[in-house]
Amino acid sequence: MKPSLIFRLILAVVIAMCAAAAHADSIADPTIIIRDPPCGEGCTPVGLNFAFSTPADGTGALFFNNASGLDWFSLQLTESGVDASAITCLTDVFANCSVSTANGLTTILLSGLSSDFTGIGAGQNFSIVFGCESGECEPWPGDLDFTARANVPEPGTMALLFTGIGAIVARRRLRNQA
């Protein structure tokens, strides 16, 4: 084997071990789960923008109905009580779930569609579950306020949009200068 190949293999093993060690903490993070269940006692109808709070004891499920008239391809939840590093996010509705904190606001972005992950359709019920299914995770703070926005463009989409607009502006300037 070439020395550079051996170095790459060792580096990959070290990175994998560091990632495993970073994930193996002893405190179970608060978990948020987004799914599409039936509503036993009824669902709260919501539009593209809505607000809600965690249950008083920090665990449990909230049930909603997408009454916006539009299919949702993404859902952004924002709160200011729990840092992103302490949140585990799960979903069977969207392909991706990312969590980030900036300027004291934590954003949970659920996005991505495929044949297995269809988003939240118009008129479809969905739930937001606070806590893990095993019950062995930290609860959320009780009555923590969230804001939610559906169909928020992903950051990559916005970057492509602004790159395209920049190219159009640059081309017009060159054309006007010639």
N, C-alpha and C. Protein backbone atom coordinates (compact mmCIF):
# COMPACT_ATOMS: atom_id res chain seq x y z
N MET A 1 0.83 -1.18 0.00
CA MET A 1 0.00 0.00 0.00
C MET A 1 0.88 1.24 0.00
N LYS A 2 0.41 2.27 -0.65
CA LYS A 2 1.11 3.54 -0.68
C LYS A 2 0.97 4.23 0.68
N PRO A 3 2.02 4.99 1.10
CA PRO A 3 1.92 5.68 2.40
C PRO A 3 0.73 6.64 2.47
N SER A 4 0.38 7.30 1.37
CA SER A 4 -0.74 8.24 1.41
C SER A 4 -2.07 7.51 1.62
N LEU A 5 -2.19 6.31 1.09
CA LEU A 5 -3.41 5.53 1.28
C LEU A 5 -3.52 5.07 2.73
N ILE A 6 -2.40 4.64 3.31
CA ILE A 6 -2.40 4.23 4.71
C ILE A 6 -2.78 5.42 5.60
N PHE A 7 -2.21 6.58 5.32
CA PHE A 7 -2.53 7.79 6.09
C PHE A 7 -4.02 8.10 6.01
N ARG A 8 -4.59 7.98 4.82
CA ARG A 8 -6.02 8.26 4.66
C ARG A 8 -6.87 7.28 5.45
N LEU A 9 -6.50 6.00 5.44
CA LEU A 9 -7.25 5.00 6.20
C LEU A 9 -7.16 5.28 7.70
N ILE A 10 -5.97 5.61 8.18
CA ILE A 10 -5.81 5.91 9.60
C ILE A 10 -6.62 7.15 9.97
N LEU A 11 -6.57 8.18 9.12
CA LEU A 11 -7.33 9.40 9.37
C LEU A 11 -8.84 9.11 9.41
N ALA A 12 -9.32 8.27 8.50
CA ALA A 12 -10.74 7.93 8.49
C ALA A 12 -11.14 7.20 9.77
N VAL A 13 -10.29 6.27 10.25
CA VAL A 13 -10.58 5.54 11.48
C VAL A 13 -10.59 6.48 12.67
N VAL A 14 -9.63 7.41 12.74
CA VAL A 14 -9.57 8.36 13.85
C VAL A 14 -10.81 9.25 13.86
N ILE A 15 -11.22 9.74 12.69
CA ILE A 15 -12.41 10.59 12.60
C ILE A 15 -13.65 9.82 13.04
N ALA A 16 -13.78 8.57 12.60
CA ALA A 16 -14.93 7.75 12.99
C ALA A 16 -14.95 7.52 14.50
N MET A 17 -13.79 7.29 15.10
CA MET A 17 -13.72 7.07 16.54
C MET A 17 -14.08 8.34 17.31
N CYS A 18 -13.62 9.49 16.83
CA CYS A 18 -13.95 10.76 17.47
C CYS A 18 -15.45 11.04 17.39
N ALA A 19 -16.05 10.77 16.24
CA ALA A 19 -17.48 10.98 16.08
C ALA A 19 -18.27 10.06 17.01
N ALA A 20 -17.84 8.82 17.13
CA ALA A 20 -18.53 7.88 18.02
C ALA A 20 -18.39 8.33 19.47
N ALA A 21 -17.21 8.81 19.85
CA ALA A 21 -17.01 9.27 21.23
C ALA A 21 -17.85 10.51 21.52
N ALA A 22 -17.96 11.41 20.55
CA ALA A 22 -18.75 12.63 20.75
C ALA A 22 -20.22 12.29 20.90
N HIS A 23 -20.69 11.25 20.23
CA HIS A 23 -22.10 10.88 20.28
C HIS A 23 -22.45 10.07 21.53
N ALA A 24 -21.46 9.46 22.14
CA ALA A 24 -21.70 8.54 23.25
C ALA A 24 -21.74 9.26 24.59
N ASP A 25 -22.58 10.26 24.71
CA ASP A 25 -22.71 10.93 26.00
C ASP A 25 -23.69 10.15 26.87
N SER A 26 -23.61 10.36 28.17
CA SER A 26 -24.45 9.59 29.08
C SER A 26 -25.80 10.23 29.33
N ILE A 27 -26.00 11.49 28.92
CA ILE A 27 -27.26 12.18 29.13
C ILE A 27 -28.09 12.07 27.86
N ALA A 28 -29.29 11.54 28.00
CA ALA A 28 -30.18 11.42 26.84
C ALA A 28 -30.78 12.79 26.55
N ASP A 29 -30.59 13.26 25.32
CA ASP A 29 -31.05 14.59 24.91
C ASP A 29 -32.57 14.64 24.82
N PRO A 30 -33.15 15.86 24.99
CA PRO A 30 -34.57 15.99 24.71
C PRO A 30 -34.81 15.68 23.23
N THR A 31 -35.85 14.97 22.95
CA THR A 31 -36.13 14.53 21.59
C THR A 31 -37.42 15.17 21.10
N ILE A 32 -37.43 15.52 19.80
CA ILE A 32 -38.66 15.99 19.16
C ILE A 32 -38.91 15.06 17.98
N ILE A 33 -40.14 14.59 17.84
CA ILE A 33 -40.51 13.65 16.79
C ILE A 33 -41.69 14.23 16.03
N ILE A 34 -41.57 14.31 14.70
CA ILE A 34 -42.65 14.82 13.86
C ILE A 34 -43.19 13.65 13.05
N ARG A 35 -44.49 13.36 13.15
CA ARG A 35 -45.09 12.27 12.38
C ARG A 35 -46.50 12.62 11.92
N ASP A 36 -47.09 11.69 11.19
CA ASP A 36 -48.43 11.93 10.65
C ASP A 36 -49.43 10.89 11.15
N PRO A 37 -49.87 11.00 12.41
CA PRO A 37 -50.82 10.03 12.97
C PRO A 37 -52.27 10.49 12.82
N PRO A 38 -53.18 9.60 13.12
CA PRO A 38 -54.57 10.04 13.23
C PRO A 38 -54.74 10.83 14.53
N CYS A 39 -55.70 11.70 14.58
CA CYS A 39 -55.95 12.51 15.78
C CYS A 39 -57.07 11.89 16.56
N GLY A 40 -56.77 11.37 17.75
CA GLY A 40 -57.80 10.75 18.57
C GLY A 40 -58.82 11.75 19.09
N GLU A 41 -58.37 12.84 19.70
CA GLU A 41 -59.27 13.82 20.30
C GLU A 41 -59.41 15.07 19.44
N GLY A 42 -58.97 15.02 18.21
CA GLY A 42 -59.05 16.18 17.33
C GLY A 42 -57.71 16.86 17.18
N CYS A 43 -57.56 17.50 16.07
CA CYS A 43 -56.32 18.20 15.76
C CYS A 43 -56.58 19.70 15.67
N THR A 44 -55.61 20.49 16.06
CA THR A 44 -55.71 21.93 15.94
C THR A 44 -55.40 22.33 14.49
N PRO A 45 -56.31 22.99 13.79
CA PRO A 45 -56.01 23.42 12.42
C PRO A 45 -55.00 24.57 12.44
N VAL A 46 -53.98 24.48 11.56
CA VAL A 46 -52.95 25.51 11.49
C VAL A 46 -52.68 25.89 10.04
N GLY A 47 -52.21 27.11 9.85
CA GLY A 47 -51.83 27.60 8.53
C GLY A 47 -50.32 27.49 8.35
N LEU A 48 -49.79 28.26 7.40
CA LEU A 48 -48.36 28.21 7.11
C LEU A 48 -47.52 28.72 8.28
N ASN A 49 -48.06 29.62 9.10
CA ASN A 49 -47.37 30.15 10.28
C ASN A 49 -48.25 29.90 11.50
N PHE A 50 -47.66 29.33 12.56
CA PHE A 50 -48.42 29.09 13.77
C PHE A 50 -47.48 29.03 14.96
N ALA A 51 -48.03 29.06 16.15
CA ALA A 51 -47.25 29.01 17.38
C ALA A 51 -47.87 27.98 18.31
N PHE A 52 -47.03 27.43 19.18
CA PHE A 52 -47.49 26.45 20.17
C PHE A 52 -46.47 26.42 21.30
N SER A 53 -46.82 25.73 22.39
CA SER A 53 -45.92 25.57 23.54
C SER A 53 -45.82 24.10 23.88
N THR A 54 -44.69 23.73 24.49
CA THR A 54 -44.54 22.35 24.94
C THR A 54 -45.55 22.07 26.05
N PRO A 55 -45.91 20.81 26.25
CA PRO A 55 -46.79 20.49 27.38
C PRO A 55 -46.15 20.94 28.70
N ALA A 56 -46.97 21.18 29.72
CA ALA A 56 -46.52 21.74 31.00
C ALA A 56 -45.41 20.89 31.64
N ASP A 57 -45.47 19.56 31.49
CA ASP A 57 -44.44 18.72 32.11
C ASP A 57 -43.26 18.45 31.17
N GLY A 58 -43.27 19.03 29.95
CA GLY A 58 -42.15 18.89 29.02
C GLY A 58 -42.17 17.64 28.17
N THR A 59 -43.18 16.79 28.30
CA THR A 59 -43.30 15.59 27.46
C THR A 59 -44.75 15.47 26.98
N GLY A 60 -44.92 14.72 25.91
CA GLY A 60 -46.26 14.50 25.38
C GLY A 60 -46.35 14.89 23.92
N ALA A 61 -47.53 14.79 23.36
CA ALA A 61 -47.74 15.04 21.93
C ALA A 61 -48.77 16.14 21.73
N LEU A 62 -48.53 16.94 20.69
CA LEU A 62 -49.49 17.94 20.24
C LEU A 62 -49.95 17.52 18.85
N PHE A 63 -51.25 17.65 18.59
CA PHE A 63 -51.81 17.19 17.31
C PHE A 63 -52.32 18.36 16.50
N PHE A 64 -51.96 18.38 15.22
CA PHE A 64 -52.30 19.49 14.33
C PHE A 64 -52.87 18.96 13.02
N ASN A 65 -53.51 19.86 12.28
CA ASN A 65 -54.00 19.57 10.94
C ASN A 65 -53.53 20.70 10.02
N ASN A 66 -52.92 20.34 8.89
CA ASN A 66 -52.47 21.33 7.91
C ASN A 66 -53.70 21.88 7.20
N ALA A 67 -54.19 23.02 7.68
CA ALA A 67 -55.38 23.66 7.12
C ALA A 67 -55.00 24.81 6.18
N SER A 68 -53.75 24.85 5.73
CA SER A 68 -53.28 25.97 4.89
C SER A 68 -53.76 25.87 3.44
N GLY A 69 -54.18 24.68 3.04
CA GLY A 69 -54.58 24.48 1.64
C GLY A 69 -53.40 24.16 0.73
N LEU A 70 -52.18 24.11 1.28
CA LEU A 70 -50.98 23.82 0.51
C LEU A 70 -50.26 22.61 1.09
N ASP A 71 -49.60 21.84 0.23
CA ASP A 71 -48.72 20.77 0.69
C ASP A 71 -47.46 21.39 1.26
N TRP A 72 -46.95 20.84 2.36
CA TRP A 72 -45.75 21.38 2.99
C TRP A 72 -44.55 20.54 2.59
N PHE A 73 -43.52 21.18 2.05
CA PHE A 73 -42.27 20.50 1.71
C PHE A 73 -41.20 20.76 2.76
N SER A 74 -41.46 21.65 3.71
CA SER A 74 -40.54 21.87 4.83
C SER A 74 -41.31 22.47 6.00
N LEU A 75 -40.73 22.34 7.18
CA LEU A 75 -41.32 22.91 8.38
C LEU A 75 -40.17 23.38 9.26
N GLN A 76 -40.20 24.66 9.64
CA GLN A 76 -39.16 25.25 10.49
C GLN A 76 -39.75 25.60 11.84
N LEU A 77 -39.19 25.03 12.90
CA LEU A 77 -39.61 25.30 14.27
C LEU A 77 -38.52 26.13 14.94
N THR A 78 -38.89 27.18 15.67
CA THR A 78 -37.92 28.04 16.33
C THR A 78 -38.29 28.21 17.79
N GLU A 79 -37.29 28.10 18.67
CA GLU A 79 -37.48 28.29 20.11
C GLU A 79 -36.21 28.88 20.70
N SER A 80 -36.28 29.35 21.95
CA SER A 80 -35.11 29.96 22.56
C SER A 80 -34.80 29.39 23.94
N GLY A 81 -35.22 28.16 24.23
CA GLY A 81 -34.99 27.60 25.56
C GLY A 81 -34.01 26.45 25.62
N VAL A 82 -33.77 25.75 24.50
CA VAL A 82 -32.89 24.58 24.50
C VAL A 82 -31.90 24.75 23.35
N ASP A 83 -30.61 24.58 23.64
CA ASP A 83 -29.57 24.70 22.63
C ASP A 83 -29.61 23.51 21.67
N ALA A 84 -29.21 23.74 20.44
CA ALA A 84 -29.23 22.71 19.40
C ALA A 84 -28.42 21.48 19.80
N SER A 85 -27.33 21.68 20.53
CA SER A 85 -26.47 20.55 20.91
C SER A 85 -27.18 19.58 21.85
N ALA A 86 -28.28 19.98 22.44
CA ALA A 86 -29.01 19.14 23.39
C ALA A 86 -30.29 18.55 22.80
N ILE A 87 -30.50 18.67 21.48
CA ILE A 87 -31.75 18.23 20.86
C ILE A 87 -31.50 17.08 19.89
N THR A 88 -32.33 16.06 19.99
CA THR A 88 -32.35 14.98 19.01
C THR A 88 -33.64 15.13 18.22
N CYS A 89 -33.56 15.08 16.91
CA CYS A 89 -34.73 15.32 16.05
C CYS A 89 -34.98 14.08 15.20
N LEU A 90 -36.22 13.60 15.17
CA LEU A 90 -36.62 12.45 14.38
C LEU A 90 -37.88 12.79 13.60
N THR A 91 -38.03 12.23 12.41
CA THR A 91 -39.24 12.45 11.63
C THR A 91 -39.45 11.30 10.66
N ASP A 92 -40.72 10.96 10.41
CA ASP A 92 -41.02 10.01 9.34
C ASP A 92 -41.81 10.69 8.23
N VAL A 93 -41.81 12.04 8.25
CA VAL A 93 -42.55 12.82 7.28
C VAL A 93 -41.61 13.51 6.29
N PHE A 94 -40.45 13.98 6.76
CA PHE A 94 -39.46 14.64 5.93
C PHE A 94 -38.18 13.82 5.89
N ALA A 95 -37.38 13.99 4.84
CA ALA A 95 -36.15 13.22 4.69
C ALA A 95 -35.04 13.71 5.60
N ASN A 96 -35.02 15.00 5.94
CA ASN A 96 -33.93 15.58 6.71
C ASN A 96 -34.45 16.34 7.92
N CYS A 97 -33.64 16.36 8.96
CA CYS A 97 -33.94 17.16 10.13
C CYS A 97 -32.62 17.72 10.64
N SER A 98 -32.48 19.04 10.63
CA SER A 98 -31.26 19.67 11.13
C SER A 98 -31.62 20.63 12.25
N VAL A 99 -30.71 20.77 13.21
CA VAL A 99 -30.93 21.63 14.36
C VAL A 99 -29.72 22.55 14.49
N SER A 100 -29.97 23.86 14.63
CA SER A 100 -28.88 24.82 14.80
C SER A 100 -29.31 25.92 15.75
N THR A 101 -28.32 26.53 16.41
CA THR A 101 -28.58 27.66 17.30
C THR A 101 -27.72 28.83 16.86
N ALA A 102 -28.35 29.99 16.71
CA ALA A 102 -27.64 31.23 16.37
C ALA A 102 -28.32 32.38 17.10
N ASN A 103 -27.53 33.22 17.74
CA ASN A 103 -28.04 34.38 18.47
C ASN A 103 -29.12 34.02 19.49
N GLY A 104 -28.95 32.88 20.16
CA GLY A 104 -29.89 32.48 21.19
C GLY A 104 -31.17 31.82 20.70
N LEU A 105 -31.36 31.72 19.38
CA LEU A 105 -32.55 31.07 18.81
C LEU A 105 -32.15 29.71 18.23
N THR A 106 -32.89 28.70 18.62
CA THR A 106 -32.66 27.36 18.08
C THR A 106 -33.67 27.10 16.98
N THR A 107 -33.17 26.64 15.83
CA THR A 107 -34.02 26.35 14.68
C THR A 107 -33.96 24.87 14.37
N ILE A 108 -35.12 24.25 14.28
CA ILE A 108 -35.24 22.86 13.87
C ILE A 108 -35.86 22.90 12.48
N LEU A 109 -35.08 22.48 11.47
CA LEU A 109 -35.56 22.53 10.08
C LEU A 109 -35.78 21.12 9.58
N LEU A 110 -37.03 20.84 9.24
CA LEU A 110 -37.40 19.56 8.65
C LEU A 110 -37.65 19.81 7.17
N SER A 111 -36.97 19.05 6.30
CA SER A 111 -37.10 19.30 4.87
C SER A 111 -36.76 18.05 4.08
N GLY A 112 -36.97 18.12 2.80
CA GLY A 112 -36.63 17.04 1.89
C GLY A 112 -37.79 16.08 1.68
N LEU A 113 -38.11 15.85 0.42
CA LEU A 113 -39.18 14.93 0.05
C LEU A 113 -38.63 13.81 -0.83
N SER A 114 -39.29 12.68 -0.78
CA SER A 114 -38.97 11.54 -1.64
C SER A 114 -40.19 10.63 -1.64
N SER A 115 -40.05 9.47 -2.25
CA SER A 115 -41.20 8.56 -2.27
C SER A 115 -41.53 8.06 -0.87
N ASP A 116 -40.54 7.99 0.02
CA ASP A 116 -40.77 7.55 1.39
C ASP A 116 -41.12 8.69 2.35
N PHE A 117 -40.72 9.91 2.00
CA PHE A 117 -40.95 11.08 2.83
C PHE A 117 -41.73 12.10 2.01
N THR A 118 -43.03 12.17 2.27
CA THR A 118 -43.92 12.94 1.40
C THR A 118 -44.28 14.32 1.95
N GLY A 119 -43.67 14.73 3.06
CA GLY A 119 -44.02 16.02 3.64
C GLY A 119 -45.37 15.94 4.32
N ILE A 120 -45.98 17.09 4.51
CA ILE A 120 -47.30 17.15 5.15
C ILE A 120 -48.27 17.73 4.13
N GLY A 121 -49.17 16.91 3.65
CA GLY A 121 -50.11 17.32 2.61
C GLY A 121 -51.21 18.22 3.15
N ALA A 122 -51.83 18.97 2.25
CA ALA A 122 -52.97 19.81 2.62
C ALA A 122 -54.05 18.93 3.24
N GLY A 123 -54.56 19.34 4.40
CA GLY A 123 -55.59 18.58 5.09
C GLY A 123 -55.07 17.41 5.90
N GLN A 124 -53.77 17.15 5.87
CA GLN A 124 -53.19 16.01 6.57
C GLN A 124 -52.93 16.34 8.04
N ASN A 125 -53.13 15.35 8.90
CA ASN A 125 -52.84 15.49 10.32
C ASN A 125 -51.38 15.20 10.58
N PHE A 126 -50.82 15.84 11.61
CA PHE A 126 -49.45 15.53 12.03
C PHE A 126 -49.33 15.81 13.52
N SER A 127 -48.33 15.21 14.13
CA SER A 127 -48.10 15.44 15.56
C SER A 127 -46.67 15.89 15.78
N ILE A 128 -46.47 16.61 16.86
CA ILE A 128 -45.15 16.97 17.34
C ILE A 128 -45.06 16.36 18.73
N VAL A 129 -44.14 15.41 18.87
CA VAL A 129 -44.00 14.65 20.12
C VAL A 129 -42.77 15.17 20.85
N PHE A 130 -42.93 15.51 22.11
CA PHE A 130 -41.83 15.98 22.95
C PHE A 130 -41.46 14.86 23.90
N GLY A 131 -40.26 14.32 23.76
CA GLY A 131 -39.80 13.19 24.56
C GLY A 131 -39.54 12.01 23.65
N CYS A 132 -38.87 11.02 24.17
CA CYS A 132 -38.54 9.85 23.34
C CYS A 132 -39.53 8.72 23.61
N GLU A 133 -39.59 7.80 22.68
CA GLU A 133 -40.55 6.70 22.81
C GLU A 133 -40.23 5.81 23.99
N SER A 134 -38.94 5.66 24.33
CA SER A 134 -38.57 4.80 25.45
C SER A 134 -38.84 5.47 26.79
N GLY A 135 -39.00 6.81 26.79
CA GLY A 135 -39.22 7.54 28.03
C GLY A 135 -37.95 7.76 28.82
N GLU A 136 -36.80 7.43 28.24
CA GLU A 136 -35.52 7.55 28.94
C GLU A 136 -34.71 8.75 28.48
N CYS A 137 -35.36 9.83 28.13
CA CYS A 137 -34.64 11.03 27.71
C CYS A 137 -35.07 12.21 28.58
N GLU A 138 -34.28 13.25 28.54
CA GLU A 138 -34.58 14.45 29.31
C GLU A 138 -35.85 15.11 28.77
N PRO A 139 -36.72 15.61 29.64
CA PRO A 139 -37.91 16.31 29.16
C PRO A 139 -37.53 17.70 28.67
N TRP A 140 -38.39 18.28 27.86
CA TRP A 140 -38.25 19.66 27.42
C TRP A 140 -38.67 20.57 28.58
N PRO A 141 -38.25 21.81 28.57
CA PRO A 141 -38.82 22.75 29.56
C PRO A 141 -40.33 22.88 29.33
N GLY A 142 -41.09 22.89 30.39
CA GLY A 142 -42.54 23.02 30.28
C GLY A 142 -42.93 24.40 29.77
N ASP A 143 -43.96 24.44 28.95
CA ASP A 143 -44.51 25.68 28.39
C ASP A 143 -43.49 26.50 27.60
N LEU A 144 -42.55 25.82 26.93
CA LEU A 144 -41.58 26.49 26.07
C LEU A 144 -42.27 26.90 24.77
N ASP A 145 -42.16 28.16 24.40
CA ASP A 145 -42.85 28.68 23.21
C ASP A 145 -42.07 28.38 21.93
N PHE A 146 -42.80 27.92 20.92
CA PHE A 146 -42.27 27.66 19.59
C PHE A 146 -43.02 28.50 18.57
N THR A 147 -42.36 28.90 17.51
CA THR A 147 -43.03 29.42 16.32
C THR A 147 -42.73 28.44 15.20
N ALA A 148 -43.65 28.31 14.28
CA ALA A 148 -43.49 27.36 13.18
C ALA A 148 -43.82 28.05 11.86
N ARG A 149 -43.04 27.75 10.84
CA ARG A 149 -43.27 28.25 9.48
C ARG A 149 -43.12 27.09 8.51
N ALA A 150 -44.12 26.88 7.69
CA ALA A 150 -44.05 25.83 6.68
C ALA A 150 -43.55 26.40 5.36
N ASN A 151 -42.98 25.54 4.56
CA ASN A 151 -42.49 25.85 3.21
C ASN A 151 -41.44 26.94 3.21
N VAL A 152 -40.50 26.84 4.15
CA VAL A 152 -39.35 27.75 4.20
C VAL A 152 -38.30 27.21 3.24
N PRO A 153 -37.81 28.03 2.32
CA PRO A 153 -36.78 27.53 1.41
C PRO A 153 -35.54 27.08 2.18
N GLU A 154 -34.92 26.00 1.72
CA GLU A 154 -33.69 25.52 2.34
C GLU A 154 -32.56 26.50 2.06
N PRO A 155 -31.56 26.57 2.93
CA PRO A 155 -30.44 27.50 2.71
C PRO A 155 -29.75 27.29 1.36
N GLY A 156 -29.61 26.04 0.94
CA GLY A 156 -28.97 25.77 -0.35
C GLY A 156 -29.77 26.33 -1.52
N THR A 157 -31.09 26.27 -1.41
CA THR A 157 -31.95 26.83 -2.45
C THR A 157 -31.79 28.33 -2.53
N MET A 158 -31.73 28.98 -1.37
CA MET A 158 -31.56 30.44 -1.35
C MET A 158 -30.19 30.82 -1.92
N ALA A 159 -29.14 30.04 -1.61
CA ALA A 159 -27.81 30.33 -2.15
C ALA A 159 -27.82 30.24 -3.68
N LEU A 160 -28.47 29.21 -4.20
CA LEU A 160 -28.56 29.08 -5.66
C LEU A 160 -29.35 30.23 -6.27
N LEU A 161 -30.43 30.63 -5.62
CA LEU A 161 -31.24 31.74 -6.12
C LEU A 161 -30.41 33.02 -6.19
N PHE A 162 -29.71 33.34 -5.11
CA PHE A 162 -28.92 34.58 -5.09
C PHE A 162 -27.73 34.52 -6.04
N THR A 163 -27.16 33.34 -6.24
CA THR A 163 -26.08 33.20 -7.22
C THR A 163 -26.60 33.48 -8.62
N GLY A 164 -27.78 32.95 -8.94
CA GLY A 164 -28.38 33.20 -10.25
C GLY A 164 -28.72 34.66 -10.47
N ILE A 165 -29.27 35.29 -9.44
CA ILE A 165 -29.60 36.73 -9.55
C ILE A 165 -28.33 37.54 -9.73
N GLY A 166 -27.27 37.18 -8.99
CA GLY A 166 -25.99 37.88 -9.12
C GLY A 166 -25.42 37.75 -10.52
N ALA A 167 -25.54 36.56 -11.11
CA ALA A 167 -25.04 36.34 -12.47
C ALA A 167 -25.82 37.19 -13.48
N ILE A 168 -27.13 37.27 -13.30
CA ILE A 168 -27.95 38.09 -14.22
C ILE A 168 -27.56 39.55 -14.12
N VAL A 169 -27.39 40.05 -12.89
CA VAL A 169 -27.01 41.46 -12.69
C VAL A 169 -25.63 41.72 -13.30
N ALA A 170 -24.68 40.83 -13.06
CA ALA A 170 -23.33 41.01 -13.61
C ALA A 170 -23.35 41.02 -15.13
N ARG A 171 -24.14 40.14 -15.72
CA ARG A 171 -24.22 40.06 -17.18
C ARG A 171 -24.81 41.35 -17.76
N ARG A 172 -25.85 41.88 -17.10
CA ARG A 172 -26.45 43.14 -17.58
C ARG A 172 -25.48 44.30 -17.49
N ARG A 173 -24.71 44.33 -16.40
CA ARG A 173 -23.71 45.40 -16.26
C ARG A 173 -22.66 45.32 -17.36
N LEU A 174 -22.20 44.12 -17.64
CA LEU A 174 -21.21 43.95 -18.71
C LEU A 174 -21.80 44.37 -20.06
N ARG A 175 -23.04 43.99 -20.28
CA ARG A 175 -23.70 44.33 -21.54
C ARG A 175 -23.88 45.84 -21.68
N ASN A 176 -24.23 46.52 -20.57
CA ASN A 176 -24.42 47.97 -20.60
C ASN A 176 -23.10 48.71 -20.75
N GLN A 177 -22.00 48.15 -20.28
CA GLN A 177 -20.71 48.79 -20.40
C GLN A 177 -20.10 48.62 -21.79
N ALA A 178 -20.52 47.62 -22.53
CA ALA A 178 -19.94 47.35 -23.85
C ALA A 178 -20.47 48.26 -24.92
